Amino acid sequence: EYEQEWRGQKSKNILLVGDLNYQGDGEMQVLLKARGADVVKVNLNDIVIRGRLAVELVRLIDVPPWFSGIRVYFPDAQK
């Protein structure tokens, strides 16, 4: 748990960090359209994701769901 200032007020957050090793046989399709026309279509298969993953529960509150937002990111992203 740590404090962060947001819009001039202090808020409490929780930071969870762990190692992610995902190897899936799922498929994902990404389609980008512009003015109704397909611009880019990408199919992803056999997805592998590895690295440290950070999940932050931001602006903790006293009622469910107990936080105002969530951040998910890779803190040590490769270049």
Protein backbone atom coordinates (compact mmCIF):
# COMPACT_ATOMS: atom_id res chain seq x y z
CA GLU A 1 0.00 0.00 0.00
CA TYR A 2 1.27 3.47 -0.83
CA GLU A 3 -0.07 7.01 -1.07
CA GLN A 4 -0.32 9.06 -4.25
CA GLU A 5 -1.58 12.56 -4.88
CA TRP A 6 -4.40 12.84 -7.40
CA ARG A 7 -6.29 16.04 -8.20
CA GLY A 8 -4.79 17.71 -5.17
CA GLN A 9 -5.85 14.95 -2.74
CA LYS A 10 -3.90 12.06 -1.29
CA SER A 11 -5.20 8.60 -2.10
CA LYS A 12 -4.10 5.09 -1.13
CA ASN A 13 -3.20 2.47 -3.73
CA ILE A 14 -2.19 -1.20 -3.60
CA LEU A 15 0.55 -2.47 -5.91
CA LEU A 16 0.83 -6.19 -6.72
CA VAL A 17 3.85 -7.38 -8.73
CA GLY A 18 4.50 -10.90 -9.94
CA ASP A 19 5.92 -13.01 -12.74
CA LEU A 20 3.67 -13.90 -15.66
CA ASN A 21 4.29 -16.93 -17.87
CA TYR A 22 1.37 -17.41 -20.27
CA GLN A 23 1.48 -19.92 -23.12
CA GLY A 24 -1.86 -20.31 -24.81
CA ASP A 25 -3.22 -21.87 -27.93
CA GLY A 26 -5.92 -19.24 -28.27
CA GLU A 27 -6.45 -17.00 -31.25
CA MET A 28 -6.92 -13.25 -31.38
CA GLN A 29 -7.95 -11.14 -34.33
CA VAL A 30 -7.25 -7.39 -34.50
CA LEU A 31 -9.06 -5.35 -37.14
CA LEU A 32 -8.50 -1.64 -37.77
CA LYS A 33 -11.08 0.18 -39.85
CA ALA A 34 -11.11 3.69 -41.27
CA ARG A 35 -14.26 5.15 -42.83
CA GLY A 36 -15.83 1.70 -43.01
CA ALA A 37 -12.94 0.09 -44.90
CA ASP A 38 -10.60 -2.54 -43.46
CA VAL A 39 -7.13 -1.02 -43.12
CA VAL A 40 -5.24 -3.66 -41.13
CA LYS A 41 -6.24 -7.18 -40.17
CA VAL A 42 -3.90 -9.22 -37.96
CA ASN A 43 -4.37 -12.76 -36.67
CA LEU A 44 -2.39 -13.85 -33.60
CA ASN A 45 -1.98 -17.56 -32.81
CA ASP A 46 -0.09 -19.52 -30.12
CA ILE A 47 0.33 -16.46 -27.90
CA VAL A 48 3.23 -16.40 -25.39
CA ILE A 49 3.55 -13.62 -22.80
CA ARG A 50 6.36 -13.62 -20.21
CA GLY A 51 7.63 -10.99 -17.81
CA ARG A 52 6.98 -9.12 -14.59
CA LEU A 53 3.41 -7.88 -14.36
CA ALA A 54 2.23 -5.03 -12.12
CA VAL A 55 -1.41 -4.63 -11.09
CA GLU A 56 -2.36 -1.49 -9.16
CA LEU A 57 -5.66 -0.99 -7.38
CA VAL A 58 -5.92 2.81 -7.30
CA ARG A 59 -7.78 5.25 -5.06
CA LEU A 60 -8.96 2.80 -2.40
CA ILE A 61 -12.48 3.47 -1.08
CA ASP A 62 -14.63 2.14 1.78
CA VAL A 63 -17.38 0.52 -0.33
CA PRO A 64 -17.33 -2.23 -2.97
CA PRO A 65 -15.50 -2.68 -5.27
CA TRP A 66 -13.01 -1.13 -2.74
CA PHE A 67 -11.01 0.78 -5.39
CA SER A 68 -11.75 3.42 -8.04
CA GLY A 69 -9.56 2.11 -10.84
CA ILE A 70 -7.03 -0.46 -11.92
CA ARG A 71 -3.71 -0.23 -13.77
CA VAL A 72 -2.05 -3.23 -15.42
CA TYR A 73 1.41 -2.93 -16.98
CA PHE A 74 4.83 -4.52 -17.45
CA PRO A 75 7.26 -2.46 -15.30
CA ASP A 76 10.37 -3.99 -16.91
CA ALA A 77 9.19 -3.93 -20.54
CA GLN A 78 11.89 -4.91 -23.02
CA LYS A 79 13.00 -2.42 -25.62
